[in-house]
Amino acid sequence: MPKKVVVGVVTSDKMDKTRRVEIDRVEKHPRYGKYIRRKSVCIAHDENNTSKEGDTVEIEECRPMSKRKRWNFVSVVQESRLVDVAALHAANRAAQEEAK
Protein backbone atom coordinates (compact mmCIF):
# COMPACT_ATOMS: atom_id res chain seq x y z
CA MET A 1 0.00 0.00 0.00
CA PRO A 2 1.48 3.41 -0.96
CA LYS A 3 2.29 5.93 1.74
CA LYS A 4 0.00 8.93 2.06
CA VAL A 5 1.66 12.25 1.13
CA VAL A 6 0.11 15.57 2.19
CA VAL A 7 1.03 19.27 2.07
CA GLY A 8 0.64 21.54 5.10
CA VAL A 9 2.02 24.56 6.93
CA VAL A 10 4.51 24.35 9.81
CA THR A 11 2.97 26.05 12.85
CA SER A 12 5.65 25.19 15.43
CA ASP A 13 9.36 24.48 15.16
CA LYS A 14 10.25 24.75 18.85
CA MET A 15 11.03 21.04 19.25
CA ASP A 16 14.29 19.51 18.06
CA LYS A 17 13.81 17.40 14.89
CA THR A 18 10.03 17.67 15.24
CA ARG A 19 7.52 19.94 13.51
CA ARG A 20 3.82 20.61 14.07
CA VAL A 21 2.12 20.74 10.67
CA GLU A 22 -1.46 21.91 10.04
CA ILE A 23 -3.33 20.59 7.01
CA ASP A 24 -6.26 22.82 6.04
CA ARG A 25 -9.28 21.58 4.12
CA VAL A 26 -12.81 22.76 3.28
CA GLU A 27 -15.77 20.44 3.85
CA LYS A 28 -19.39 20.83 2.85
CA HIS A 29 -21.89 20.50 5.71
CA PRO A 30 -24.05 17.42 5.03
CA ARG A 31 -27.40 19.07 5.84
CA TYR A 32 -27.00 22.80 5.25
CA GLY A 33 -24.53 22.78 2.37
CA LYS A 34 -22.37 25.49 3.93
CA TYR A 35 -18.62 25.10 3.42
CA ILE A 36 -16.70 24.78 6.69
CA ARG A 37 -12.95 25.15 7.22
CA ARG A 38 -11.35 22.24 9.05
CA LYS A 39 -7.77 21.44 9.94
CA SER A 40 -5.78 18.37 10.89
CA VAL A 41 -2.68 18.62 13.04
CA CYS A 42 0.21 16.23 12.38
CA ILE A 43 3.48 15.90 14.25
CA ALA A 44 6.26 15.24 11.73
CA HIS A 45 9.90 14.16 12.06
CA ASP A 46 12.41 16.56 10.44
CA GLU A 47 15.83 14.94 10.86
CA ASN A 48 17.96 17.92 9.77
CA ASN A 49 15.73 20.73 11.12
CA THR A 50 15.37 22.10 7.57
CA SER A 51 11.91 23.61 7.89
CA LYS A 52 10.90 26.59 9.99
CA GLU A 53 7.66 28.14 11.14
CA GLY A 54 5.43 29.35 8.30
CA ASP A 55 6.96 27.08 5.63
CA THR A 56 4.68 25.02 3.41
CA VAL A 57 6.00 21.45 3.58
CA GLU A 58 5.32 18.01 2.18
CA ILE A 59 5.10 15.13 4.67
CA GLU A 60 4.51 11.42 4.26
CA GLU A 61 3.14 8.68 6.44
CA CYS A 62 5.64 6.48 8.29
CA ARG A 63 5.90 4.01 11.13
CA PRO A 64 5.14 5.34 14.62
CA MET A 65 8.28 7.09 15.90
CA SER A 66 6.84 8.11 19.26
CA LYS A 67 3.48 8.57 20.97
CA ARG A 68 2.21 11.20 18.49
CA LYS A 69 4.81 11.29 15.70
CA ARG A 70 3.61 9.30 12.66
CA TRP A 71 4.73 11.51 9.75
CA ASN A 72 8.09 12.07 8.08
CA PHE A 73 9.28 15.36 6.53
CA VAL A 74 9.89 15.12 2.75
CA SER A 75 10.62 18.63 1.44
CA VAL A 76 9.89 22.35 1.72
CA VAL A 77 7.38 23.30 -0.98
CA GLN A 78 7.48 27.06 -0.30
CA GLU A 79 9.64 29.13 2.05
CA SER A 80 7.95 31.27 4.69
CA ARG A 81 7.44 34.94 3.92
CA LEU A 82 6.87 35.89 7.56
CA VAL A 83 8.91 38.83 8.83
CA ASP A 84 10.32 39.14 12.35
CA VAL A 85 9.12 42.66 13.12
CA ALA A 86 11.20 43.07 16.30
CA ALA A 87 14.42 42.18 14.45
CA LEU A 88 13.49 44.55 11.62
CA HIS A 89 12.96 47.46 14.05
CA ALA A 90 16.25 46.70 15.80
CA ALA A 91 18.11 46.71 12.47
CA ASN A 92 16.50 50.03 11.50
CA ARG A 93 17.46 51.58 14.85
CA ALA A 94 21.04 50.34 14.46
CA ALA A 95 21.23 51.82 10.95
CA GLN A 96 19.94 55.17 12.24
CA GLU A 97 22.49 55.14 15.09
CA GLU A 98 25.31 54.58 12.58
CA ALA A 99 24.06 57.39 10.35
CA LYS A 100 24.28 59.92 13.21
PDB file of N, CA and C in Angstrom:
ATOM      1  N   MET A   1       0.841  -1.176   0.000  1.00  0.00           N
ATOM      2  CA  MET A   1       0.000   0.000   0.000  1.00  0.00           C
ATOM      3  C   MET A   1       0.893   1.249   0.000  1.00  0.00           C
ATOM      4  N   PRO A   2       0.632   2.214  -0.895  1.00  0.00           N
ATOM      5  CA  PRO A   2       1.476   3.412  -0.956  1.00  0.00           C
ATOM      6  C   PRO A   2       1.289   4.296   0.277  1.00  0.00           C
ATOM      7  N   LYS A   3       2.355   5.029   0.598  1.00  0.00           N
ATOM      8  CA  LYS A   3       2.292   5.934   1.738  1.00  0.00           C
ATOM      9  C   LYS A   3       1.537   7.196   1.353  1.00  0.00           C
ATOM     10  N   LYS A   4       0.754   7.711   2.289  1.00  0.00           N
ATOM     11  CA  LYS A   4      -0.004   8.929   2.065  1.00  0.00           C
ATOM     12  C   LYS A   4       0.946  10.130   2.128  1.00  0.00           C
ATOM     13  N   VAL A   5       0.850  11.035   1.161  1.00  0.00           N
ATOM     14  CA  VAL A   5       1.663  12.247   1.127  1.00  0.00           C
ATOM     15  C   VAL A   5       0.725  13.445   1.141  1.00  0.00           C
ATOM     16  N   VAL A   6       0.962  14.393   2.067  1.00  0.00           N
ATOM     17  CA  VAL A   6       0.113  15.574   2.186  1.00  0.00           C
ATOM     18  C   VAL A   6       0.973  16.832   2.272  1.00  0.00           C
ATOM     19  N   VAL A   7       0.344  17.981   2.007  1.00  0.00           N
ATOM     20  CA  VAL A   7       1.028  19.275   2.074  1.00  0.00           C
ATOM     21  C   VAL A   7       0.353  20.112   3.153  1.00  0.00           C
ATOM     22  N   GLY A   8       1.174  20.715   4.017  1.00  0.00           N
ATOM     23  CA  GLY A   8       0.642  21.537   5.098  1.00  0.00           C
ATOM     24  C   GLY A   8       1.604  22.646   5.467  1.00  0.00           C
ATOM     25  N   VAL A   9       1.223  23.425   6.488  1.00  0.00           N
ATOM     26  CA  VAL A   9       2.024  24.564   6.928  1.00  0.00           C
ATOM     27  C   VAL A   9       2.583  24.284   8.321  1.00  0.00           C
ATOM     28  N   VAL A  10       3.868  24.546   8.509  1.00  0.00           N
ATOM     29  CA  VAL A  10       4.513  24.354   9.810  1.00  0.00           C
ATOM     30  C   VAL A  10       4.039  25.454  10.750  1.00  0.00           C
ATOM     31  N   THR A  11       3.458  25.069  11.890  1.00  0.00           N
ATOM     32  CA  THR A  11       2.971  26.051  12.851  1.00  0.00           C
ATOM     33  C   THR A  11       3.846  26.119  14.090  1.00  0.00           C
ATOM     34  N   SER A  12       4.737  25.142  14.289  1.00  0.00           N
ATOM     35  CA  SER A  12       5.645  25.189  15.428  1.00  0.00           C
ATOM     36  C   SER A  12       6.927  24.462  15.074  1.00  0.00           C
ATOM     37  N   ASP A  13       8.061  25.122  15.374  1.00  0.00           N
ATOM     38  CA  ASP A  13       9.357  24.482  15.158  1.00  0.00           C
ATOM     39  C   ASP A  13      10.207  24.556  16.423  1.00  0.00           C
ATOM     40  N   LYS A  14       9.550  24.593  17.577  1.00  0.00           N
ATOM     41  CA  LYS A  14      10.250  24.752  18.848  1.00  0.00           C
ATOM     42  C   LYS A  14      10.914  23.460  19.318  1.00  0.00           C
ATOM     43  N   MET A  15      10.455  22.320  18.833  1.00  0.00           N
ATOM     44  CA  MET A  15      11.029  21.041  19.249  1.00  0.00           C
ATOM     45  C   MET A  15      12.184  20.668  18.331  1.00  0.00           C
ATOM     46  N   ASP A  16      13.147  19.929  18.856  1.00  0.00           N
ATOM     47  CA  ASP A  16      14.293  19.508  18.060  1.00  0.00           C
ATOM     48  C   ASP A  16      13.888  18.324  17.188  1.00  0.00           C
ATOM     49  N   LYS A  17      14.100  18.432  15.888  1.00  0.00           N
ATOM     50  CA  LYS A  17      13.810  17.396  14.891  1.00  0.00           C
ATOM     51  C   LYS A  17      12.322  17.049  14.792  1.00  0.00           C
ATOM     52  N   THR A  18      11.460  17.913  15.280  1.00  0.00           N
ATOM     53  CA  THR A  18      10.026  17.667  15.245  1.00  0.00           C
ATOM     54  C   THR A  18       9.307  18.938  14.836  1.00  0.00           C
ATOM     55  N   ARG A  19       8.304  18.801  13.973  1.00  0.00           N
ATOM     56  CA  ARG A  19       7.523  19.938  13.510  1.00  0.00           C
ATOM     57  C   ARG A  19       6.039  19.648  13.689  1.00  0.00           C
ATOM     58  N   ARG A  20       5.277  20.712  14.001  1.00  0.00           N
ATOM     59  CA  ARG A  20       3.818  20.611  14.068  1.00  0.00           C
ATOM     60  C   ARG A  20       3.297  21.177  12.752  1.00  0.00           C
ATOM     61  N   VAL A  21       2.581  20.353  11.996  1.00  0.00           N
ATOM     62  CA  VAL A  21       2.115  20.735  10.669  1.00  0.00           C
ATOM     63  C   VAL A  21       0.589  20.725  10.655  1.00  0.00           C
ATOM     64  N   GLU A  22      -0.002  21.822  10.176  1.00  0.00           N
ATOM     65  CA  GLU A  22      -1.455  21.906  10.043  1.00  0.00           C
ATOM     66  C   GLU A  22      -1.840  21.721   8.589  1.00  0.00           C
ATOM     67  N   ILE A  23      -2.823  20.853   8.347  1.00  0.00           N
ATOM     68  CA  ILE A  23      -3.327  20.587   7.008  1.00  0.00           C
ATOM     69  C   ILE A  23      -4.752  21.129   6.954  1.00  0.00           C
ATOM     70  N   ASP A  24      -4.954  22.180   6.167  1.00  0.00           N
ATOM     71  CA  ASP A  24      -6.264  22.817   6.039  1.00  0.00           C
ATOM     72  C   ASP A  24      -7.071  22.155   4.934  1.00  0.00           C
ATOM     73  N   ARG A  25      -8.389  22.108   5.143  1.00  0.00           N
ATOM     74  CA  ARG A  25      -9.285  21.578   4.122  1.00  0.00           C
ATOM     75  C   ARG A  25     -10.644  22.265   4.277  1.00  0.00           C
ATOM     76  N   VAL A  26     -11.463  22.193   3.255  1.00  0.00           N
ATOM     77  CA  VAL A  26     -12.805  22.763   3.281  1.00  0.00           C
ATOM     78  C   VAL A  26     -13.789  21.628   3.044  1.00  0.00           C
ATOM     79  N   GLU A  27     -14.758  21.495   3.954  1.00  0.00           N
ATOM     80  CA  GLU A  27     -15.770  20.436   3.846  1.00  0.00           C
ATOM     81  C   GLU A  27     -17.145  21.071   3.682  1.00  0.00           C
ATOM     82  N   LYS A  28     -18.012  20.376   3.006  1.00  0.00           N
ATOM     83  CA  LYS A  28     -19.394  20.828   2.852  1.00  0.00           C
ATOM     84  C   LYS A  28     -20.240  20.193   3.960  1.00  0.00           C
ATOM     85  N   HIS A  29     -21.036  21.011   4.641  1.00  0.00           N
ATOM     86  CA  HIS A  29     -21.893  20.497   5.709  1.00  0.00           C
ATOM     87  C   HIS A  29     -22.937  19.574   5.087  1.00  0.00           C
ATOM     88  N   PRO A  30     -23.146  18.386   5.662  1.00  0.00           N
ATOM     89  CA  PRO A  30     -24.049  17.417   5.028  1.00  0.00           C
ATOM     90  C   PRO A  30     -25.501  17.888   4.919  1.00  0.00           C
ATOM     91  N   ARG A  31     -26.003  18.651   5.874  1.00  0.00           N
ATOM     92  CA  ARG A  31     -27.399  19.069   5.835  1.00  0.00           C
ATOM     93  C   ARG A  31     -27.582  20.455   5.219  1.00  0.00           C
ATOM     94  N   TYR A  32     -26.762  21.412   5.635  1.00  0.00           N
ATOM     95  CA  TYR A  32     -26.998  22.798   5.245  1.00  0.00           C
ATOM     96  C   TYR A  32     -26.232  23.227   4.006  1.00  0.00           C
ATOM     97  N   GLY A  33     -25.256  22.470   3.590  1.00  0.00           N
ATOM     98  CA  GLY A  33     -24.534  22.776   2.371  1.00  0.00           C
ATOM     99  C   GLY A  33     -23.498  23.887   2.502  1.00  0.00           C
ATOM    100  N   LYS A  34     -23.352  24.432   3.705  1.00  0.00           N
ATOM    101  CA  LYS A  34     -22.369  25.490   3.927  1.00  0.00           C
ATOM    102  C   LYS A  34     -20.970  24.879   3.965  1.00  0.00           C
ATOM    103  N   TYR A  35     -20.002  25.589   3.407  1.00  0.00           N
ATOM    104  CA  TYR A  35     -18.625  25.104   3.419  1.00  0.00           C
ATOM    105  C   TYR A  35     -17.954  25.525   4.718  1.00  0.00           C
ATOM    106  N   ILE A  36     -17.314  24.563   5.388  1.00  0.00           N
ATOM    107  CA  ILE A  36     -16.697  24.783   6.695  1.00  0.00           C
ATOM    108  C   ILE A  36     -15.208  24.494   6.592  1.00  0.00           C
ATOM    109  N   ARG A  37     -14.397  25.383   7.185  1.00  0.00           N
ATOM    110  CA  ARG A  37     -12.948  25.155   7.222  1.00  0.00           C
ATOM    111  C   ARG A  37     -12.625  24.195   8.355  1.00  0.00           C
ATOM    112  N   ARG A  38     -11.819  23.210   8.062  1.00  0.00           N
ATOM    113  CA  ARG A  38     -11.350  22.240   9.047  1.00  0.00           C
ATOM    114  C   ARG A  38      -9.840  22.148   8.947  1.00  0.00           C
ATOM    115  N   LYS A  39      -9.205  21.652  10.010  1.00  0.00           N
ATOM    116  CA  LYS A  39      -7.766  21.445   9.945  1.00  0.00           C
ATOM    117  C   LYS A  39      -7.393  20.180  10.702  1.00  0.00           C
ATOM    118  N   SER A  40      -6.351  19.527  10.218  1.00  0.00           N
ATOM    119  CA  SER A  40      -5.777  18.371  10.892  1.00  0.00           C
ATOM    120  C   SER A  40      -4.385  18.764  11.345  1.00  0.00           C
ATOM    121  N   VAL A  41      -4.006  18.316  12.516  1.00  0.00           N
ATOM    122  CA  VAL A  41      -2.683  18.617  13.043  1.00  0.00           C
ATOM    123  C   VAL A  41      -1.866  17.331  13.050  1.00  0.00           C
ATOM    124  N   CYS A  42      -0.692  17.380  12.435  1.00  0.00           N
ATOM    125  CA  CYS A  42       0.207  16.230  12.382  1.00  0.00           C
ATOM    126  C   CYS A  42       1.540  16.619  13.002  1.00  0.00           C
ATOM    127  N   ILE A  43       2.139  15.705  13.705  1.00  0.00           N
ATOM    128  CA  ILE A  43       3.476  15.900  14.250  1.00  0.00           C
ATOM    129  C   ILE A  43       4.423  15.132  13.337  1.00  0.00           C
ATOM    130  N   ALA A  44       5.385  15.848  12.732  1.00  0.00           N
ATOM    131  CA  ALA A  44       6.264  15.243  11.727  1.00  0.00           C
ATOM    132  C   ALA A  44       7.715  15.272  12.178  1.00  0.00           C
ATOM    133  N   HIS A  45       8.475  14.269  11.745  1.00  0.00           N
ATOM    134  CA  HIS A  45       9.897  14.158  12.059  1.00  0.00           C
ATOM    135  C   HIS A  45      10.715  14.847  10.968  1.00  0.00           C
ATOM    136  N   ASP A  46      11.536  15.826  11.361  1.00  0.00           N
ATOM    137  CA  ASP A  46      12.410  16.560  10.440  1.00  0.00           C
ATOM    138  C   ASP A  46      13.845  16.349  10.926  1.00  0.00           C
ATOM    139  N   GLU A  47      14.515  15.371  10.374  1.00  0.00           N
ATOM    140  CA  GLU A  47      15.826  14.936  10.861  1.00  0.00           C
ATOM    141  C   GLU A  47      16.858  16.060  10.890  1.00  0.00           C
ATOM    142  N   ASN A  48      16.915  16.897   9.865  1.00  0.00           N
ATOM    143  CA  ASN A  48      17.957  17.921   9.769  1.00  0.00           C
ATOM    144  C   ASN A  48      17.485  19.320  10.168  1.00  0.00           C
ATOM    145  N   ASN A  49      16.304  19.435  10.739  1.00  0.00           N
ATOM    146  CA  ASN A  49      15.729  20.726  11.124  1.00  0.00           C
ATOM    147  C   ASN A  49      15.742  21.721   9.954  1.00  0.00           C
ATOM    148  N   THR A  50      15.332  21.263   8.768  1.00  0.00           N
ATOM    149  CA  THR A  50      15.371  22.102   7.568  1.00  0.00           C
ATOM    150  C   THR A  50      14.215  23.085   7.499  1.00  0.00           C
ATOM    151  N   SER A  51      13.070  22.722   7.994  1.00  0.00           N
ATOM    152  CA  SER A  51      11.909  23.607   7.886  1.00  0.00           C
ATOM    153  C   SER A  51      11.834  24.537   9.088  1.00  0.00           C
ATOM    154  N   LYS A  52      11.119  25.653   8.895  1.00  0.00           N
ATOM    155  CA  LYS A  52      10.898  26.587   9.988  1.00  0.00           C
ATOM    156  C   LYS A  52       9.432  27.020   9.978  1.00  0.00           C
ATOM    157  N   GLU A  53       9.053  27.742  10.991  1.00  0.00           N
ATOM    158  CA  GLU A  53       7.655  28.141  11.145  1.00  0.00           C
ATOM    159  C   GLU A  53       7.188  28.970   9.950  1.00  0.00           C
ATOM    160  N   GLY A  54       5.999  28.637   9.427  1.00  0.00           N
ATOM    161  CA  GLY A  54       5.429  29.352   8.298  1.00  0.00           C
ATOM    162  C   GLY A  54       5.707  28.702   6.954  1.00  0.00           C
ATOM    163  N   ASP A  55       6.645  27.756   6.884  1.00  0.00           N
ATOM    164  CA  ASP A  55       6.958  27.076   5.625  1.00  0.00           C
ATOM    165  C   ASP A  55       5.829  26.138   5.222  1.00  0.00           C
ATOM    166  N   THR A  56       5.595  26.022   3.930  1.00  0.00           N
ATOM    167  CA  THR A  56       4.678  25.016   3.409  1.00  0.00           C
ATOM    168  C   THR A  56       5.521  23.784   3.091  1.00  0.00           C
ATOM    169  N   VAL A  57       5.177  22.652   3.697  1.00  0.00           N
ATOM    170  CA  VAL A  57       6.002  21.453   3.575  1.00  0.00           C
ATOM    171  C   VAL A  57       5.191  20.257   3.102  1.00  0.00           C
ATOM    172  N   GLU A  58       5.911  19.273   2.606  1.00  0.00           N
ATOM    173  CA  GLU A  58       5.323  18.008   2.179  1.00  0.00           C
ATOM    174  C   GLU A  58       5.757  16.950   3.179  1.00  0.00           C
ATOM    175  N   ILE A  59       4.792  16.192   3.716  1.00  0.00           N
ATOM    176  CA  ILE A  59       5.105  15.130   4.674  1.00  0.00           C
ATOM    177  C   ILE A  59       4.474  13.831   4.201  1.00  0.00           C
ATOM    178  N   GLU A  60       5.059  12.717   4.638  1.00  0.00           N
ATOM    179  CA  GLU A  60       4.506  11.419   4.260  1.00  0.00           C
ATOM    180  C   GLU A  60       4.339  10.541   5.489  1.00  0.00           C
ATOM    181  N   GLU A  61       3.424   9.619   5.376  1.00  0.00           N
ATOM    182  CA  GLU A  61       3.138   8.680   6.439  1.00  0.00           C
ATOM    183  C   GLU A  61       4.345   7.796   6.712  1.00  0.00           C
ATOM    184  N   CYS A  62       4.547   7.407   7.967  1.00  0.00           N
ATOM    185  CA  CYS A  62       5.636   6.481   8.291  1.00  0.00           C
ATOM    186  C   CYS A  62       5.246   5.662   9.517  1.00  0.00           C
ATOM    187  N   ARG A  63       6.153   4.824   9.930  1.00  0.00           N
ATOM    188  CA  ARG A  63       5.899   4.010  11.125  1.00  0.00           C
ATOM    189  C   ARG A  63       5.817   4.920  12.339  1.00  0.00           C
ATOM    190  N   PRO A  64       5.173   4.504  13.417  1.00  0.00           N
ATOM    191  CA  PRO A  64       5.137   5.340  14.619  1.00  0.00           C
ATOM    192  C   PRO A  64       6.546   5.530  15.191  1.00  0.00           C
ATOM    193  N   MET A  65       6.953   6.780  15.349  1.00  0.00           N
ATOM    194  CA  MET A  65       8.278   7.085  15.897  1.00  0.00           C
ATOM    195  C   MET A  65       8.203   7.394  17.388  1.00  0.00           C
ATOM    196  N   SER A  66       7.064   7.852  17.839  1.00  0.00           N
ATOM    197  CA  SER A  66       6.835   8.115  19.259  1.00  0.00           C
ATOM    198  C   SER A  66       5.330   8.103  19.495  1.00  0.00           C
ATOM    199  N   LYS A  67       4.902   8.611  20.633  1.00  0.00           N
ATOM    200  CA  LYS A  67       3.480   8.571  20.974  1.00  0.00           C
ATOM    201  C   LYS A  67       2.600   9.266  19.925  1.00  0.00           C
ATOM    202  N   ARG A  68       3.020  10.439  19.436  1.00  0.00           N
ATOM    203  CA  ARG A  68       2.205  11.198  18.487  1.00  0.00           C
ATOM    204  C   ARG A  68       2.831  11.368  17.116  1.00  0.00           C
ATOM    205  N   LYS A  69       4.088  11.020  16.954  1.00  0.00           N
ATOM    206  CA  LYS A  69       4.810  11.285  15.703  1.00  0.00           C
ATOM    207  C   LYS A  69       4.649  10.119  14.731  1.00  0.00           C
ATOM    208  N   ARG A  70       3.866  10.344  13.655  1.00  0.00           N
ATOM    209  CA  ARG A  70       3.609   9.304  12.657  1.00  0.00           C
ATOM    210  C   ARG A  70       3.842   9.781  11.233  1.00  0.00           C
ATOM    211  N   TRP A  71       4.483  10.930  11.068  1.00  0.00           N
ATOM    212  CA  TRP A  71       4.728  11.506   9.752  1.00  0.00           C
ATOM    213  C   TRP A  71       6.202  11.846   9.611  1.00  0.00           C
ATOM    214  N   ASN A  72       6.696  11.797   8.387  1.00  0.00           N
ATOM    215  CA  ASN A  72       8.089  12.068   8.078  1.00  0.00           C
ATOM    216  C   ASN A  72       8.159  13.268   7.132  1.00  0.00           C
ATOM    217  N   PHE A  73       9.085  14.181   7.373  1.00  0.00           N
ATOM    218  CA  PHE A  73       9.283  15.357   6.532  1.00  0.00           C
ATOM    219  C   PHE A  73       9.898  14.930   5.202  1.00  0.00           C
ATOM    220  N   VAL A  74       9.361  15.444   4.079  1.00  0.00           N
ATOM    221  CA  VAL A  74       9.893  15.120   2.754  1.00  0.00           C
ATOM    222  C   VAL A  74      10.650  16.312   2.178  1.00  0.00           C
ATOM    223  N   SER A  75       9.963  17.460   2.027  1.00  0.00           N
ATOM    224  CA  SER A  75      10.623  18.627   1.441  1.00  0.00           C
ATOM    225  C   SER A  75       9.854  19.900   1.775  1.00  0.00           C
ATOM    226  N   VAL A  76      10.533  21.033   1.572  1.00  0.00           N
ATOM    227  CA  VAL A  76       9.895  22.347   1.719  1.00  0.00           C
ATOM    228  C   VAL A  76       9.332  22.722   0.357  1.00  0.00           C
ATOM    229  N   VAL A  77       8.033  22.938   0.277  1.00  0.00           N
ATOM    230  CA  VAL A  77       7.382  23.298  -0.975  1.00  0.00           C
ATOM    231  C   VAL A  77       7.543  24.795  -1.223  1.00  0.00           C
ATOM    232  N   GLN A  78       7.349  25.609  -0.162  1.00  0.00           N
ATOM    233  CA  GLN A  78       7.478  27.056  -0.295  1.00  0.00           C
ATOM    234  C   GLN A  78       8.032  27.617   1.009  1.00  0.00           C
ATOM    235  N   GLU A  79       9.039  28.493   0.887  1.00  0.00           N
ATOM    236  CA  GLU A  79       9.637  29.132   2.051  1.00  0.00           C
ATOM    237  C   GLU A  79       8.641  30.107   2.685  1.00  0.00           C
ATOM    238  N   SER A  80       8.796  30.328   3.970  1.00  0.00           N
ATOM    239  CA  SER A  80       7.954  31.269   4.687  1.00  0.00           C
ATOM    240  C   SER A  80       8.276  32.700   4.283  1.00  0.00           C
ATOM    241  N   ARG A  81       7.246  33.532   4.215  1.00  0.00           N
ATOM    242  CA  ARG A  81       7.442  34.944   3.924  1.00  0.00           C
ATOM    243  C   ARG A  81       7.122  35.790   5.150  1.00  0.00           C
ATOM    244  N   LEU A  82       7.122  35.166   6.327  1.00  0.00           N
ATOM    245  CA  LEU A  82       6.868  35.895   7.563  1.00  0.00           C
ATOM    246  C   LEU A  82       8.083  36.740   7.917  1.00  0.00           C
ATOM    247  N   VAL A  83       7.842  37.914   8.476  1.00  0.00           N
ATOM    248  CA  VAL A  83       8.915  38.832   8.834  1.00  0.00           C
ATOM    249  C   VAL A  83       8.952  38.978  10.349  1.00  0.00           C
ATOM    250  N   ASP A  84      10.151  38.907  10.919  1.00  0.00           N
ATOM    251  CA  ASP A  84      10.320  39.141  12.346  1.00  0.00           C
ATOM    252  C   ASP A  84      10.368  40.648  12.561  1.00  0.00           C
ATOM    253  N   VAL A  85       9.266  41.216  13.022  1.00  0.00           N
ATOM    254  CA  VAL A  85       9.121  42.663  13.123  1.00  0.00           C
ATOM    255  C   VAL A  85      10.103  43.237  14.142  1.00  0.00           C
ATOM    256  N   ALA A  86      10.292  42.558  15.267  1.00  0.00           N
ATOM    257  CA  ALA A  86      11.198  43.069  16.299  1.00  0.00           C
ATOM    258  C   ALA A  86      12.624  43.165  15.760  1.00  0.00           C
ATOM    259  N   ALA A  87      13.071  42.161  15.022  1.00  0.00           N
ATOM    260  CA  ALA A  87      14.421  42.183  14.450  1.00  0.00           C
ATOM    261  C   ALA A  87      14.539  43.282  13.393  1.00  0.00           C
ATOM    262  N   LEU A  88      13.488  43.505  12.639  1.00  0.00           N
ATOM    263  CA  LEU A  88      13.487  44.547  11.621  1.00  0.00           C
ATOM    264  C   LEU A  88      13.618  45.936  12.255  1.00  0.00           C
ATOM    265  N   HIS A  89      12.864  46.184  13.341  1.00  0.00           N
ATOM    266  CA  HIS A  89      12.960  47.458  14.047  1.00  0.00           C
ATOM    267  C   HIS A  89      14.350  47.653  14.645  1.00  0.00           C
ATOM    268  N   ALA A  90      14.909  46.602  15.215  1.00  0.00           N
ATOM    269  CA  ALA A  90      16.247  46.695  15.805  1.00  0.00           C
ATOM    270  C   ALA A  90      17.288  47.024  14.736  1.00  0.00           C
ATOM    271  N   ALA A  91      17.174  46.426  13.559  1.00  0.00           N
ATOM    272  CA  ALA A  91      18.109  46.708  12.468  1.00  0.00           C
ATOM    273  C   ALA A  91      17.964  48.150  11.984  1.00  0.00           C
ATOM    274  N   ASN A  92      16.722  48.631  11.911  1.00  0.00           N
ATOM    275  CA  ASN A  92      16.503  50.032  11.498  1.00  0.00           C
ATOM    276  C   ASN A  92      17.092  51.004  12.511  1.00  0.00           C
ATOM    277  N   ARG A  93      16.907  50.717  13.816  1.00  0.00           N
ATOM    278  CA  ARG A  93      17.462  51.576  14.852  1.00  0.00           C
ATOM    279  C   ARG A  93      18.989  51.592  14.779  1.00  0.00           C
ATOM    280  N   ALA A  94      19.583  50.421  14.560  1.00  0.00           N
ATOM    281  CA  ALA A  94      21.045  50.341  14.464  1.00  0.00           C
ATOM    282  C   ALA A  94      21.561  51.135  13.251  1.00  0.00           C
ATOM    283  N   ALA A  95      20.837  51.083  12.151  1.00  0.00           N
ATOM    284  CA  ALA A  95      21.232  51.824  10.952  1.00  0.00           C
ATOM    285  C   ALA A  95      21.126  53.329  11.203  1.00  0.00           C
ATOM    286  N   GLN A  96      20.100  53.753  11.930  1.00  0.00           N
ATOM    287  CA  GLN A  96      19.938  55.173  12.237  1.00  0.00           C
ATOM    288  C   GLN A  96      21.022  55.655  13.191  1.00  0.00           C
ATOM    289  N   GLU A  97      21.412  54.801  14.141  1.00  0.00           N
ATOM    290  CA  GLU A  97      22.487  55.143  15.090  1.00  0.00           C
ATOM    291  C   GLU A  97      23.800  55.343  14.335  1.00  0.00           C
ATOM    292  N   GLU A  98      24.074  54.478  13.362  1.00  0.00           N
ATOM    293  CA  GLU A  98      25.308  54.578  12.581  1.00  0.00           C
ATOM    294  C   GLU A  98      25.316  55.845  11.718  1.00  0.00           C
ATOM    295  N   ALA A  99      24.157  56.227  11.214  1.00  0.00           N
ATOM    296  CA  ALA A  99      24.059  57.395  10.348  1.00  0.00           C
ATOM    297  C   ALA A  99      24.345  58.692  11.113  1.00  0.00           C
ATOM    298  N   LYS A 100      24.076  58.694  12.394  1.00  0.00           N
ATOM    299  CA  LYS A 100      24.283  59.918  13.212  1.00  0.00           C
ATOM    300  C   LYS A 100      25.700  60.124  13.547  1.00  0.00           C
TER     301      LYS A 100
END
